[in-house]
Amino acid sequence: MVILIKGDFSREIPIQTKKADSFFPRLRGLMFKKTLPENEGLLITPCNSIHMFFMRFPIDAVFLDKHLHIVQLRENVRPWTIIPPVPPAFSTLELKAGTIKKYDFQIGERIIV
C-alpha cells in the first residue's frame, strides 16, 4: 500500500509496490512485461533517470528524493523515451499510466511504501 503525506494530511493509495534495489532488477525494470496492473508499481532505487527501451506500454513516473518526497512527476511516458537525470531524485516509482492524475499525486508530498 502506498500512503501519500502532505503536512498533517495523509491518504492511502491502493497500490502494491515491488522494490528493485540491486543491479539486474533495476536494469530490467518493467522491460518486456506486457502490461502493468492498475494496482501495482515498481520502486527503483537508486534511480534518478529512466529509459523506456523494450517497453510495450506507457507509464507514469514519480521521482523521489532520499526522504521519499516527490520532486518530479512525469505522466504517460511512452515506450522508447528517455528521461535524463532528475536532480535531486534518488528513486523512481513506476506506475500504470493515468495513476498520477487518478490519485492526484503532487510535488512535495511524501510517499510511504
N, C-alpha and C. Protein backbone atom coordinates (compact mmCIF):
# COMPACT_ATOMS: atom_id res chain seq x y z
N MET A 1 0.84 -1.18 0.00
CA MET A 1 0.00 0.00 0.00
C MET A 1 0.89 1.25 0.00
N VAL A 2 0.52 2.23 -0.76
CA VAL A 2 1.24 3.49 -0.81
C VAL A 2 0.44 4.52 0.00
N ILE A 3 1.13 5.27 0.83
CA ILE A 3 0.49 6.35 1.58
C ILE A 3 1.14 7.66 1.16
N LEU A 4 0.32 8.62 0.77
CA LEU A 4 0.80 9.95 0.41
C LEU A 4 0.58 10.88 1.60
N ILE A 5 1.60 11.63 1.97
CA ILE A 5 1.51 12.54 3.12
C ILE A 5 1.87 13.94 2.68
N LYS A 6 1.04 14.90 3.03
CA LYS A 6 1.33 16.31 2.82
C LYS A 6 0.94 17.04 4.10
N GLY A 7 1.94 17.54 4.82
CA GLY A 7 1.66 18.20 6.11
C GLY A 7 1.06 17.19 7.08
N ASP A 8 -0.06 17.55 7.67
CA ASP A 8 -0.74 16.67 8.63
C ASP A 8 -1.76 15.76 7.95
N PHE A 9 -1.89 15.85 6.65
CA PHE A 9 -2.90 15.10 5.91
C PHE A 9 -2.26 13.90 5.23
N SER A 10 -2.87 12.72 5.36
CA SER A 10 -2.37 11.54 4.66
C SER A 10 -3.53 10.80 4.01
N ARG A 11 -3.20 10.06 2.95
CA ARG A 11 -4.22 9.26 2.27
C ARG A 11 -3.58 8.00 1.70
N GLU A 12 -4.35 6.93 1.74
CA GLU A 12 -3.88 5.66 1.22
C GLU A 12 -4.23 5.52 -0.25
N ILE A 13 -3.29 4.98 -1.00
CA ILE A 13 -3.48 4.70 -2.42
C ILE A 13 -3.36 3.18 -2.57
N PRO A 14 -4.35 2.50 -3.13
CA PRO A 14 -4.32 1.03 -3.19
C PRO A 14 -3.37 0.48 -4.26
N ILE A 15 -2.09 0.67 -4.05
CA ILE A 15 -1.07 0.19 -4.98
C ILE A 15 -0.06 -0.65 -4.20
N GLN A 16 0.14 -1.86 -4.64
CA GLN A 16 1.17 -2.72 -4.07
C GLN A 16 2.46 -2.48 -4.85
N THR A 17 3.54 -2.25 -4.14
CA THR A 17 4.80 -1.96 -4.83
C THR A 17 5.81 -3.07 -4.63
N LYS A 18 6.58 -3.29 -5.67
CA LYS A 18 7.73 -4.18 -5.60
C LYS A 18 8.95 -3.27 -5.65
N LYS A 19 10.04 -3.74 -5.05
CA LYS A 19 11.25 -2.94 -4.99
C LYS A 19 12.33 -3.55 -5.87
N ALA A 20 12.97 -2.72 -6.66
CA ALA A 20 14.12 -3.13 -7.47
C ALA A 20 15.31 -2.33 -6.94
N ASP A 21 16.15 -3.00 -6.14
CA ASP A 21 17.25 -2.27 -5.50
C ASP A 21 18.62 -2.93 -5.67
N SER A 22 18.71 -3.85 -6.63
CA SER A 22 20.01 -4.41 -6.99
C SER A 22 20.17 -4.31 -8.51
N PHE A 23 21.35 -4.58 -9.00
CA PHE A 23 21.69 -4.27 -10.39
C PHE A 23 20.70 -4.83 -11.42
N PHE A 24 20.51 -6.15 -11.44
CA PHE A 24 19.69 -6.72 -12.50
C PHE A 24 18.21 -6.35 -12.40
N PRO A 25 17.59 -6.38 -11.22
CA PRO A 25 16.20 -5.92 -11.16
C PRO A 25 16.05 -4.44 -11.57
N ARG A 26 17.02 -3.60 -11.22
CA ARG A 26 16.96 -2.19 -11.63
C ARG A 26 17.12 -2.07 -13.13
N LEU A 27 18.05 -2.84 -13.71
CA LEU A 27 18.28 -2.79 -15.15
C LEU A 27 17.04 -3.25 -15.92
N ARG A 28 16.45 -4.33 -15.47
CA ARG A 28 15.28 -4.88 -16.16
C ARG A 28 14.05 -4.01 -15.97
N GLY A 29 13.81 -3.55 -14.75
CA GLY A 29 12.63 -2.71 -14.50
C GLY A 29 11.37 -3.40 -14.98
N LEU A 30 10.62 -2.73 -15.85
CA LEU A 30 9.39 -3.29 -16.40
C LEU A 30 9.55 -3.74 -17.85
N MET A 31 10.81 -3.78 -18.32
CA MET A 31 11.04 -4.19 -19.71
C MET A 31 10.46 -5.57 -19.97
N PHE A 32 9.93 -5.73 -21.14
CA PHE A 32 9.40 -6.99 -21.67
C PHE A 32 8.09 -7.44 -21.04
N LYS A 33 7.59 -6.71 -20.05
CA LYS A 33 6.28 -7.05 -19.50
C LYS A 33 5.21 -6.61 -20.49
N LYS A 34 4.10 -7.32 -20.51
CA LYS A 34 3.02 -6.99 -21.44
C LYS A 34 2.15 -5.87 -20.92
N THR A 35 2.05 -5.75 -19.61
CA THR A 35 1.21 -4.71 -19.00
C THR A 35 1.63 -4.52 -17.55
N LEU A 36 1.13 -3.47 -16.95
CA LEU A 36 1.32 -3.23 -15.52
C LEU A 36 -0.08 -3.08 -14.94
N PRO A 37 -0.47 -3.98 -14.05
CA PRO A 37 -1.81 -3.86 -13.45
C PRO A 37 -2.00 -2.53 -12.74
N GLU A 38 -3.23 -2.08 -12.70
CA GLU A 38 -3.55 -0.77 -12.12
C GLU A 38 -3.14 -0.65 -10.66
N ASN A 39 -3.13 -1.75 -9.94
CA ASN A 39 -2.85 -1.69 -8.50
C ASN A 39 -1.42 -2.12 -8.17
N GLU A 40 -0.50 -2.04 -9.14
CA GLU A 40 0.89 -2.40 -8.89
C GLU A 40 1.84 -1.30 -9.33
N GLY A 41 2.99 -1.25 -8.66
CA GLY A 41 4.02 -0.30 -9.02
C GLY A 41 5.39 -0.90 -8.76
N LEU A 42 6.42 -0.26 -9.30
CA LEU A 42 7.79 -0.71 -9.10
C LEU A 42 8.60 0.47 -8.59
N LEU A 43 9.20 0.31 -7.41
CA LEU A 43 10.07 1.33 -6.82
C LEU A 43 11.50 0.95 -7.14
N ILE A 44 12.16 1.77 -7.97
CA ILE A 44 13.53 1.51 -8.38
C ILE A 44 14.44 2.45 -7.60
N THR A 45 15.40 1.86 -6.87
CA THR A 45 16.29 2.68 -6.06
C THR A 45 17.69 2.08 -6.03
N PRO A 46 18.75 2.83 -6.18
CA PRO A 46 18.72 4.23 -6.59
C PRO A 46 18.39 4.35 -8.07
N CYS A 47 17.75 5.46 -8.42
CA CYS A 47 17.34 5.69 -9.81
C CYS A 47 16.86 7.13 -9.95
N ASN A 48 17.58 7.93 -10.71
CA ASN A 48 17.14 9.31 -10.93
C ASN A 48 16.86 9.61 -12.41
N SER A 49 16.90 8.56 -13.25
CA SER A 49 16.54 8.70 -14.65
C SER A 49 16.00 7.35 -15.12
N ILE A 50 15.20 7.38 -16.18
CA ILE A 50 14.67 6.11 -16.69
C ILE A 50 14.74 6.08 -18.21
N HIS A 51 14.76 4.87 -18.73
CA HIS A 51 14.62 4.67 -20.17
C HIS A 51 13.44 3.73 -20.38
N MET A 52 12.82 3.86 -21.52
CA MET A 52 11.64 3.05 -21.83
C MET A 52 11.94 2.08 -22.98
N PHE A 53 13.21 1.68 -23.11
CA PHE A 53 13.58 0.73 -24.16
C PHE A 53 12.89 -0.61 -23.92
N PHE A 54 12.41 -1.22 -24.97
CA PHE A 54 11.76 -2.53 -24.94
C PHE A 54 10.48 -2.57 -24.12
N MET A 55 9.93 -1.40 -23.84
CA MET A 55 8.65 -1.33 -23.12
C MET A 55 7.52 -1.45 -24.14
N ARG A 56 6.39 -2.00 -23.68
CA ARG A 56 5.24 -2.20 -24.56
C ARG A 56 4.06 -1.30 -24.21
N PHE A 57 4.21 -0.48 -23.18
CA PHE A 57 3.10 0.34 -22.71
C PHE A 57 3.65 1.59 -22.03
N PRO A 58 2.88 2.67 -22.00
CA PRO A 58 3.32 3.89 -21.30
C PRO A 58 3.16 3.72 -19.79
N ILE A 59 3.89 4.53 -19.04
CA ILE A 59 3.81 4.52 -17.57
C ILE A 59 3.78 5.95 -17.05
N ASP A 60 3.42 6.09 -15.79
CA ASP A 60 3.64 7.33 -15.04
C ASP A 60 4.88 7.11 -14.18
N ALA A 61 5.73 8.13 -14.07
CA ALA A 61 6.95 8.04 -13.27
C ALA A 61 6.92 9.10 -12.19
N VAL A 62 7.14 8.67 -10.95
CA VAL A 62 7.17 9.57 -9.79
C VAL A 62 8.61 9.55 -9.27
N PHE A 63 9.31 10.69 -9.40
CA PHE A 63 10.69 10.80 -8.95
C PHE A 63 10.71 11.29 -7.50
N LEU A 64 11.48 10.59 -6.66
CA LEU A 64 11.50 10.84 -5.22
C LEU A 64 12.91 11.16 -4.75
N ASP A 65 13.01 12.04 -3.74
CA ASP A 65 14.32 12.31 -3.15
C ASP A 65 14.65 11.24 -2.10
N LYS A 66 15.76 11.40 -1.40
CA LYS A 66 16.18 10.38 -0.42
C LYS A 66 15.19 10.23 0.73
N HIS A 67 14.36 11.24 0.96
CA HIS A 67 13.37 11.17 2.05
C HIS A 67 11.99 10.80 1.53
N LEU A 68 11.93 10.36 0.27
CA LEU A 68 10.70 9.92 -0.40
C LEU A 68 9.69 11.03 -0.62
N HIS A 69 10.19 12.26 -0.77
CA HIS A 69 9.33 13.37 -1.18
C HIS A 69 9.31 13.43 -2.71
N ILE A 70 8.15 13.69 -3.26
CA ILE A 70 8.02 13.77 -4.71
C ILE A 70 8.70 15.05 -5.21
N VAL A 71 9.67 14.87 -6.15
CA VAL A 71 10.37 16.03 -6.70
C VAL A 71 10.00 16.29 -8.16
N GLN A 72 9.48 15.26 -8.84
CA GLN A 72 9.01 15.47 -10.21
C GLN A 72 8.01 14.37 -10.58
N LEU A 73 7.04 14.75 -11.39
CA LEU A 73 6.02 13.82 -11.88
C LEU A 73 6.07 13.81 -13.41
N ARG A 74 6.11 12.64 -14.00
CA ARG A 74 6.07 12.52 -15.46
C ARG A 74 4.93 11.58 -15.81
N GLU A 75 3.94 12.10 -16.51
CA GLU A 75 2.77 11.32 -16.87
C GLU A 75 2.88 10.77 -18.28
N ASN A 76 2.35 9.56 -18.44
CA ASN A 76 2.20 8.94 -19.76
C ASN A 76 3.51 8.91 -20.55
N VAL A 77 4.56 8.41 -19.91
CA VAL A 77 5.86 8.29 -20.57
C VAL A 77 5.79 7.12 -21.55
N ARG A 78 6.00 7.40 -22.80
CA ARG A 78 5.82 6.42 -23.88
C ARG A 78 7.04 5.51 -24.06
N PRO A 79 6.81 4.31 -24.62
CA PRO A 79 7.93 3.43 -24.94
C PRO A 79 8.97 4.12 -25.81
N TRP A 80 10.23 3.73 -25.62
CA TRP A 80 11.39 4.23 -26.34
C TRP A 80 11.73 5.68 -26.01
N THR A 81 11.24 6.16 -24.87
CA THR A 81 11.56 7.50 -24.38
C THR A 81 12.68 7.41 -23.36
N ILE A 82 13.47 8.46 -23.26
CA ILE A 82 14.50 8.56 -22.21
C ILE A 82 14.18 9.80 -21.37
N ILE A 83 14.20 9.64 -20.06
CA ILE A 83 14.10 10.79 -19.16
C ILE A 83 15.47 10.95 -18.52
N PRO A 84 16.16 12.05 -18.82
CA PRO A 84 17.51 12.25 -18.26
C PRO A 84 17.45 12.44 -16.75
N PRO A 85 18.62 12.43 -16.10
CA PRO A 85 18.66 12.55 -14.64
C PRO A 85 17.84 13.73 -14.12
N VAL A 86 17.13 13.46 -13.04
CA VAL A 86 16.28 14.46 -12.38
C VAL A 86 16.89 14.77 -11.02
N PRO A 87 17.61 15.89 -10.90
CA PRO A 87 18.12 16.24 -9.58
C PRO A 87 16.98 16.80 -8.74
N PRO A 88 16.83 16.54 -7.50
CA PRO A 88 17.64 15.70 -6.62
C PRO A 88 17.04 14.31 -6.42
N ALA A 89 16.46 13.72 -7.46
CA ALA A 89 15.82 12.41 -7.32
C ALA A 89 16.83 11.34 -6.91
N PHE A 90 16.35 10.43 -6.10
CA PHE A 90 17.15 9.29 -5.64
C PHE A 90 16.49 7.97 -6.04
N SER A 91 15.17 7.97 -6.20
CA SER A 91 14.46 6.76 -6.61
C SER A 91 13.27 7.14 -7.48
N THR A 92 12.75 6.13 -8.17
CA THR A 92 11.63 6.34 -9.08
C THR A 92 10.57 5.28 -8.85
N LEU A 93 9.34 5.74 -8.72
CA LEU A 93 8.20 4.85 -8.60
C LEU A 93 7.50 4.82 -9.96
N GLU A 94 7.47 3.65 -10.59
CA GLU A 94 6.84 3.49 -11.89
C GLU A 94 5.44 2.92 -11.68
N LEU A 95 4.46 3.56 -12.30
CA LEU A 95 3.06 3.21 -12.12
C LEU A 95 2.35 3.12 -13.46
N LYS A 96 1.20 2.48 -13.46
CA LYS A 96 0.38 2.40 -14.67
C LYS A 96 0.04 3.83 -15.11
N ALA A 97 0.09 4.07 -16.42
CA ALA A 97 -0.25 5.38 -16.95
C ALA A 97 -1.64 5.79 -16.48
N GLY A 98 -1.76 7.04 -16.04
CA GLY A 98 -3.02 7.57 -15.54
C GLY A 98 -3.13 7.58 -14.03
N THR A 99 -2.21 6.92 -13.34
CA THR A 99 -2.27 6.83 -11.87
C THR A 99 -2.01 8.17 -11.21
N ILE A 100 -1.07 8.96 -11.73
CA ILE A 100 -0.76 10.27 -11.14
C ILE A 100 -2.00 11.13 -11.12
N LYS A 101 -2.69 11.20 -12.23
CA LYS A 101 -3.89 12.02 -12.32
C LYS A 101 -5.03 11.43 -11.47
N LYS A 102 -5.21 10.12 -11.55
CA LYS A 102 -6.31 9.46 -10.82
C LYS A 102 -6.25 9.72 -9.33
N TYR A 103 -5.03 9.66 -8.75
CA TYR A 103 -4.88 9.83 -7.30
C TYR A 103 -4.32 11.19 -6.92
N ASP A 104 -4.18 12.09 -7.88
CA ASP A 104 -3.77 13.47 -7.63
C ASP A 104 -2.45 13.57 -6.87
N PHE A 105 -1.43 12.86 -7.35
CA PHE A 105 -0.10 12.98 -6.76
C PHE A 105 0.37 14.42 -6.94
N GLN A 106 1.07 14.97 -5.95
CA GLN A 106 1.55 16.35 -6.00
C GLN A 106 3.02 16.43 -5.60
N ILE A 107 3.77 17.31 -6.26
CA ILE A 107 5.16 17.55 -5.87
C ILE A 107 5.16 18.05 -4.44
N GLY A 108 6.12 17.52 -3.66
CA GLY A 108 6.24 17.90 -2.25
C GLY A 108 5.61 16.89 -1.31
N GLU A 109 4.66 16.10 -1.81
CA GLU A 109 4.09 15.06 -0.96
C GLU A 109 5.14 14.01 -0.67
N ARG A 110 5.00 13.35 0.46
CA ARG A 110 5.91 12.28 0.84
C ARG A 110 5.19 10.95 0.66
N ILE A 111 5.92 9.97 0.21
CA ILE A 111 5.36 8.63 -0.01
C ILE A 111 5.90 7.68 1.02
N ILE A 112 5.04 6.88 1.59
CA ILE A 112 5.44 5.76 2.43
C ILE A 112 4.99 4.50 1.72
N VAL A 113 5.94 3.59 1.50
CA VAL A 113 5.63 2.34 0.80
C VAL A 113 5.61 1.21 1.80
